[in-house]
Amino acid sequence: MYDIFISVVTTILSGLLLFVMKDNISMKKNNKRIKESQRFEAHEKEKIRDELLLGVARVLLSDKIQGALLRGETTQAEYEIIEELYKPYIEHGGNGVVKHLFEDRYHKLKVRR
């Protein structure tokens, strides 16, 4: 009788252990999917943020450069600020319009000290 009891308990515990292990494996796979999804979403948000920042920098640089071109001169402080914005703008894939304005026209302006 004792042997039957041990056999039944062992069978039940084995089944329970297999159930827990299977559930644990399933949870790990699900967690992995969730993490992958979260990484993808974070990457997409980062791309959108980068595009937005480039757009804002494009508008700002274009506006400031064109204002200086209309005046026919720039100040040393304005030149330094525009140059500080221009470098990361180009490094992050900024377009050729601002590059043309900066390198071909703004860079040649008289700098008032």
Protein backbone atom coordinates (compact mmCIF):
# COMPACT_ATOMS: atom_id res chain seq x y z
CA MET A 1 0.00 0.00 0.00
CA TYR A 2 2.83 2.35 0.90
CA ASP A 3 4.49 1.62 -2.49
CA ILE A 4 1.29 2.53 -4.33
CA PHE A 5 1.02 5.77 -2.34
CA ILE A 6 4.63 6.69 -3.19
CA SER A 7 4.05 5.81 -6.84
CA VAL A 8 0.91 7.98 -7.02
CA VAL A 9 2.59 10.92 -5.24
CA THR A 10 5.68 10.61 -7.47
CA THR A 11 3.51 10.56 -10.59
CA ILE A 12 1.55 13.61 -9.42
CA LEU A 13 4.71 15.52 -8.49
CA SER A 14 6.35 14.60 -11.80
CA GLY A 15 3.32 15.84 -13.70
CA LEU A 16 3.24 19.02 -11.64
CA LEU A 17 6.97 19.57 -12.22
CA LEU A 18 6.56 19.11 -15.97
CA PHE A 19 3.62 21.54 -15.98
CA VAL A 20 5.63 24.16 -14.08
CA MET A 21 8.66 23.69 -16.35
CA LYS A 22 6.52 23.95 -19.48
CA ASP A 23 4.79 27.06 -18.12
CA ASN A 24 8.19 28.55 -17.20
CA ILE A 25 9.54 27.93 -20.71
CA SER A 26 6.40 29.45 -22.20
CA MET A 27 6.77 32.53 -19.97
CA LYS A 28 10.42 32.95 -20.99
CA LYS A 29 9.47 32.79 -24.68
CA ASN A 30 6.68 35.31 -24.10
CA ASN A 31 9.02 37.62 -22.16
CA LYS A 32 11.54 37.39 -24.99
CA ARG A 33 8.83 38.39 -27.51
CA ILE A 34 7.77 41.28 -25.30
CA LYS A 35 11.36 42.52 -24.94
CA GLU A 36 11.91 42.28 -28.69
CA SER A 37 8.70 44.22 -29.27
CA GLN A 38 9.72 46.86 -26.74
CA ARG A 39 13.17 47.21 -28.37
CA PHE A 40 11.53 47.60 -31.77
CA GLU A 41 9.12 50.24 -30.43
CA ALA A 42 11.97 52.11 -28.71
CA HIS A 43 13.99 52.04 -31.93
CA GLU A 44 11.03 53.38 -33.92
CA LYS A 45 10.48 56.16 -31.39
CA GLU A 46 14.17 57.03 -31.56
CA LYS A 47 14.01 57.25 -35.36
CA ILE A 48 10.98 59.54 -35.16
CA ARG A 49 12.71 61.71 -32.56
CA ASP A 50 15.83 61.96 -34.73
CA GLU A 51 13.77 62.94 -37.78
CA LEU A 52 11.93 65.55 -35.74
CA LEU A 53 15.16 67.01 -34.38
CA LEU A 54 16.64 67.17 -37.87
CA GLY A 55 13.53 68.97 -39.08
CA VAL A 56 13.68 71.51 -36.27
CA ALA A 57 17.41 72.04 -36.85
CA ARG A 58 16.79 72.47 -40.60
CA VAL A 59 14.18 75.17 -40.02
CA LEU A 60 16.27 76.95 -37.40
CA LEU A 61 19.50 76.87 -39.40
CA SER A 62 17.79 77.88 -42.62
CA ASP A 63 16.01 80.78 -40.89
CA LYS A 64 19.12 82.08 -39.09
CA ILE A 65 21.38 81.72 -42.13
CA GLN A 66 18.90 83.40 -44.47
CA GLY A 67 18.44 86.24 -41.97
CA ALA A 68 22.20 86.84 -41.90
CA LEU A 69 22.37 86.64 -45.70
CA LEU A 70 19.65 89.31 -45.96
CA ARG A 71 21.60 91.55 -43.57
CA GLY A 72 24.79 90.90 -45.54
CA GLU A 73 26.77 90.10 -42.39
CA THR A 74 26.82 88.03 -39.22
CA THR A 75 28.25 88.42 -35.75
CA GLN A 76 30.97 86.25 -34.25
CA ALA A 77 28.52 84.94 -31.63
CA GLU A 78 25.85 84.14 -34.25
CA TYR A 79 28.44 82.44 -36.45
CA GLU A 80 29.62 80.23 -33.58
CA ILE A 81 26.06 79.25 -32.62
CA ILE A 82 25.11 78.41 -36.20
CA GLU A 83 28.33 76.45 -36.67
CA GLU A 84 27.64 74.47 -33.45
CA LEU A 85 24.19 73.52 -34.74
CA TYR A 86 25.38 72.87 -38.27
CA LYS A 87 28.04 70.24 -37.43
CA PRO A 88 25.72 67.71 -35.69
CA TYR A 89 22.99 68.48 -38.22
CA ILE A 90 25.23 67.32 -41.08
CA GLU A 91 26.64 64.38 -39.06
CA HIS A 92 23.10 63.09 -38.51
CA GLY A 93 22.10 63.22 -42.16
CA GLY A 94 20.94 66.79 -42.66
CA ASN A 95 19.97 67.73 -46.18
CA GLY A 96 21.91 69.57 -48.88
CA VAL A 97 19.87 72.79 -48.77
CA VAL A 98 21.29 73.90 -45.43
CA LYS A 99 24.72 72.59 -46.44
CA HIS A 100 24.60 74.76 -49.56
CA LEU A 101 23.44 77.81 -47.57
CA PHE A 102 26.13 77.36 -44.92
CA GLU A 103 29.14 76.32 -46.98
CA ASP A 104 28.55 78.26 -50.19
CA ARG A 105 27.01 81.46 -48.85
CA TYR A 106 26.99 81.94 -45.07
CA HIS A 107 30.59 80.85 -44.61
CA LYS A 108 31.68 83.69 -46.93
CA LEU A 109 29.77 86.45 -45.08
CA LYS A 110 31.55 89.31 -43.38
CA VAL A 111 31.78 88.59 -39.63
CA ARG A 112 31.19 91.65 -37.48
CA ARG A 113 33.10 91.53 -34.20
